[in-house]
Amino acid sequence: MNGAHRQRGIALLIALLTVALAAVLIAGLLDRGELALARTRNALRGEQAEAYAQGLEAYAARVLIKDAPDAGDSNTDPCSMPLPRQTVPGGGLSASMHDLNG
């Protein structure tokens, strides 16, 4: 009887160790998945920011080309006016140009 009781204790210990090992492996897999998701999200946001910056550069170039025939600069020139705030997913964009004196 003593041997059977001991075998049940060892079987219980092995079962507990197996469950603990499975829990550690699952936690590691979930952590890796969350890390991959964060990397993907950050890469997407970086691409969006780059696209917004390129769009603002194109807008600035268009405004400056339209203003080029003008002889002087004043506070009422289109290039002196800030871009009205634009709503974009997750936030907003606003921009303004400043003359750096040449």
C-alpha atoms as a PDB file:
ATOM      1  CA  MET A   1       0.000   0.000   0.000  1.00  0.00           C
ATOM      2  CA  ASN A   2       2.850   2.343   0.739  1.00  0.00           C
ATOM      3  CA  GLY A   3       4.281   1.904  -2.800  1.00  0.00           C
ATOM      4  CA  ALA A   4       0.932   2.683  -4.499  1.00  0.00           C
ATOM      5  CA  HIS A   5       0.523   5.857  -2.426  1.00  0.00           C
ATOM      6  CA  ARG A   6       4.038   6.957  -3.379  1.00  0.00           C
ATOM      7  CA  GLN A   7       3.367   6.344  -7.081  1.00  0.00           C
ATOM      8  CA  ARG A   8       0.250   8.527  -6.917  1.00  0.00           C
ATOM      9  CA  GLY A   9       2.322  11.305  -5.337  1.00  0.00           C
ATOM     10  CA  ILE A  10       4.916  11.094  -8.112  1.00  0.00           C
ATOM     11  CA  ALA A  11       2.171  11.044 -10.781  1.00  0.00           C
ATOM     12  CA  LEU A  12       0.601  14.143  -9.207  1.00  0.00           C
ATOM     13  CA  LEU A  13       3.983  15.899  -9.140  1.00  0.00           C
ATOM     14  CA  ILE A  14       4.606  15.059 -12.808  1.00  0.00           C
ATOM     15  CA  ALA A  15       1.120  16.316 -13.737  1.00  0.00           C
ATOM     16  CA  LEU A  16       1.729  19.604 -11.872  1.00  0.00           C
ATOM     17  CA  LEU A  17       5.107  20.071 -13.553  1.00  0.00           C
ATOM     18  CA  THR A  18       3.528  19.403 -16.964  1.00  0.00           C
ATOM     19  CA  VAL A  19       0.798  21.983 -16.339  1.00  0.00           C
ATOM     20  CA  ALA A  20       3.367  24.533 -15.136  1.00  0.00           C
ATOM     21  CA  LEU A  21       5.537  23.962 -18.215  1.00  0.00           C
ATOM     22  CA  ALA A  22       2.520  24.311 -20.525  1.00  0.00           C
ATOM     23  CA  ALA A  23       1.531  27.564 -18.790  1.00  0.00           C
ATOM     24  CA  VAL A  24       5.036  28.994 -19.255  1.00  0.00           C
ATOM     25  CA  LEU A  25       5.083  28.007 -22.938  1.00  0.00           C
ATOM     26  CA  ILE A  26       1.646  29.518 -23.579  1.00  0.00           C
ATOM     27  CA  ALA A  27       2.608  32.746 -21.799  1.00  0.00           C
ATOM     28  CA  GLY A  28       5.734  32.976 -23.969  1.00  0.00           C
ATOM     29  CA  LEU A  29       3.736  32.460 -27.158  1.00  0.00           C
ATOM     30  CA  LEU A  30       1.179  35.096 -26.143  1.00  0.00           C
ATOM     31  CA  ASP A  31       3.964  37.549 -25.329  1.00  0.00           C
ATOM     32  CA  ARG A  32       5.566  36.959 -28.738  1.00  0.00           C
ATOM     33  CA  GLY A  33       2.231  37.507 -30.460  1.00  0.00           C
ATOM     34  CA  GLU A  34       1.693  40.793 -28.629  1.00  0.00           C
ATOM     35  CA  LEU A  35       5.211  41.912 -29.548  1.00  0.00           C
ATOM     36  CA  ALA A  36       4.637  41.101 -33.218  1.00  0.00           C
ATOM     37  CA  LEU A  37       1.334  42.986 -33.123  1.00  0.00           C
ATOM     38  CA  ALA A  38       3.034  46.033 -31.574  1.00  0.00           C
ATOM     39  CA  ARG A  39       5.756  45.964 -34.245  1.00  0.00           C
ATOM     40  CA  THR A  40       3.170  45.771 -37.009  1.00  0.00           C
ATOM     41  CA  ARG A  41       1.131  48.604 -35.492  1.00  0.00           C
ATOM     42  CA  ASN A  42       4.233  50.808 -35.151  1.00  0.00           C
ATOM     43  CA  ALA A  43       5.316  50.096 -38.731  1.00  0.00           C
ATOM     44  CA  LEU A  44       1.847  51.019 -39.995  1.00  0.00           C
ATOM     45  CA  ARG A  45       1.844  54.256 -37.997  1.00  0.00           C
ATOM     46  CA  GLY A  46       5.288  55.110 -39.348  1.00  0.00           C
ATOM     47  CA  GLU A  47       4.086  54.590 -42.925  1.00  0.00           C
ATOM     48  CA  GLN A  48       1.027  56.753 -42.259  1.00  0.00           C
ATOM     49  CA  ALA A  49       3.165  59.520 -40.772  1.00  0.00           C
ATOM     50  CA  GLU A  50       5.445  59.416 -43.815  1.00  0.00           C
ATOM     51  CA  ALA A  51       2.449  59.651 -46.156  1.00  0.00           C
ATOM     52  CA  TYR A  52       1.044  62.612 -44.202  1.00  0.00           C
ATOM     53  CA  ALA A  53       4.432  64.368 -44.297  1.00  0.00           C
ATOM     54  CA  GLN A  54       4.709  63.855 -48.063  1.00  0.00           C
ATOM     55  CA  GLY A  55       1.185  65.205 -48.519  1.00  0.00           C
ATOM     56  CA  LEU A  56       2.018  68.308 -46.489  1.00  0.00           C
ATOM     57  CA  GLU A  57       5.194  68.833 -48.536  1.00  0.00           C
ATOM     58  CA  ALA A  58       3.174  68.601 -51.762  1.00  0.00           C
ATOM     59  CA  TYR A  59       0.659  71.096 -50.384  1.00  0.00           C
ATOM     60  CA  ALA A  60       3.467  73.507 -49.407  1.00  0.00           C
ATOM     61  CA  ALA A  61       5.074  73.210 -52.852  1.00  0.00           C
ATOM     62  CA  ARG A  62       1.740  73.965 -54.549  1.00  0.00           C
ATOM     63  CA  VAL A  63       1.164  77.032 -52.361  1.00  0.00           C
ATOM     64  CA  LEU A  64       4.691  78.333 -53.009  1.00  0.00           C
ATOM     65  CA  ILE A  65       4.387  77.803 -56.772  1.00  0.00           C
ATOM     66  CA  LYS A  66       1.112  79.761 -56.809  1.00  0.00           C
ATOM     67  CA  ASP A  67       2.736  82.524 -54.735  1.00  0.00           C
ATOM     68  CA  ALA A  68       5.918  82.720 -56.857  1.00  0.00           C
ATOM     69  CA  PRO A  69       4.646  85.285 -59.421  1.00  0.00           C
ATOM     70  CA  ASP A  70       3.824  87.632 -56.543  1.00  0.00           C
ATOM     71  CA  ALA A  71       6.456  90.337 -56.088  1.00  0.00           C
ATOM     72  CA  GLY A  72       6.466  90.673 -52.315  1.00  0.00           C
ATOM     73  CA  ASP A  73       5.675  88.750 -49.204  1.00  0.00           C
ATOM     74  CA  SER A  74       3.046  89.802 -46.712  1.00  0.00           C
ATOM     75  CA  ASN A  75       1.041  88.322 -43.862  1.00  0.00           C
ATOM     76  CA  THR A  76      -1.897  87.806 -46.222  1.00  0.00           C
ATOM     77  CA  ASP A  77      -0.012  85.608 -48.704  1.00  0.00           C
ATOM     78  CA  PRO A  78      -1.315  82.038 -48.932  1.00  0.00           C
ATOM     79  CA  CYS A  79       2.050  80.752 -47.727  1.00  0.00           C
ATOM     80  CA  SER A  80       1.658  82.812 -44.532  1.00  0.00           C
ATOM     81  CA  MET A  81      -1.706  81.256 -43.708  1.00  0.00           C
ATOM     82  CA  PRO A  82      -1.678  78.086 -41.609  1.00  0.00           C
ATOM     83  CA  LEU A  83      -3.305  74.988 -43.032  1.00  0.00           C
ATOM     84  CA  PRO A  84      -6.683  74.501 -41.333  1.00  0.00           C
ATOM     85  CA  ARG A  85      -6.707  71.516 -38.984  1.00  0.00           C
ATOM     86  CA  GLN A  86      -7.470  68.308 -40.866  1.00  0.00           C
ATOM     87  CA  THR A  87      -8.991  65.368 -39.045  1.00  0.00           C
ATOM     88  CA  VAL A  88      -7.291  62.048 -39.733  1.00  0.00           C
ATOM     89  CA  PRO A  89      -7.887  58.649 -38.138  1.00  0.00           C
ATOM     90  CA  GLY A  90      -6.510  58.773 -34.631  1.00  0.00           C
ATOM     91  CA  GLY A  91      -5.857  62.516 -34.518  1.00  0.00           C
ATOM     92  CA  GLY A  92      -5.429  65.587 -36.617  1.00  0.00           C
ATOM     93  CA  LEU A  93      -2.939  67.459 -38.783  1.00  0.00           C
ATOM     94  CA  SER A  94      -2.116  71.121 -38.870  1.00  0.00           C
ATOM     95  CA  ALA A  95       0.756  72.918 -40.545  1.00  0.00           C
ATOM     96  CA  SER A  96       2.174  76.340 -41.191  1.00  0.00           C
ATOM     97  CA  MET A  97       5.105  77.716 -43.182  1.00  0.00           C
ATOM     98  CA  HIS A  98       7.596  80.239 -41.875  1.00  0.00           C
ATOM     99  CA  ASP A  99       9.886  82.408 -43.957  1.00  0.00           C
ATOM    100  CA  LEU A 100      13.506  81.920 -42.953  1.00  0.00           C
ATOM    101  CA  ASN A 101      14.599  85.102 -44.761  1.00  0.00           C
ATOM    102  CA  GLY A 102      16.068  83.592 -47.856  1.00  0.00           C
END
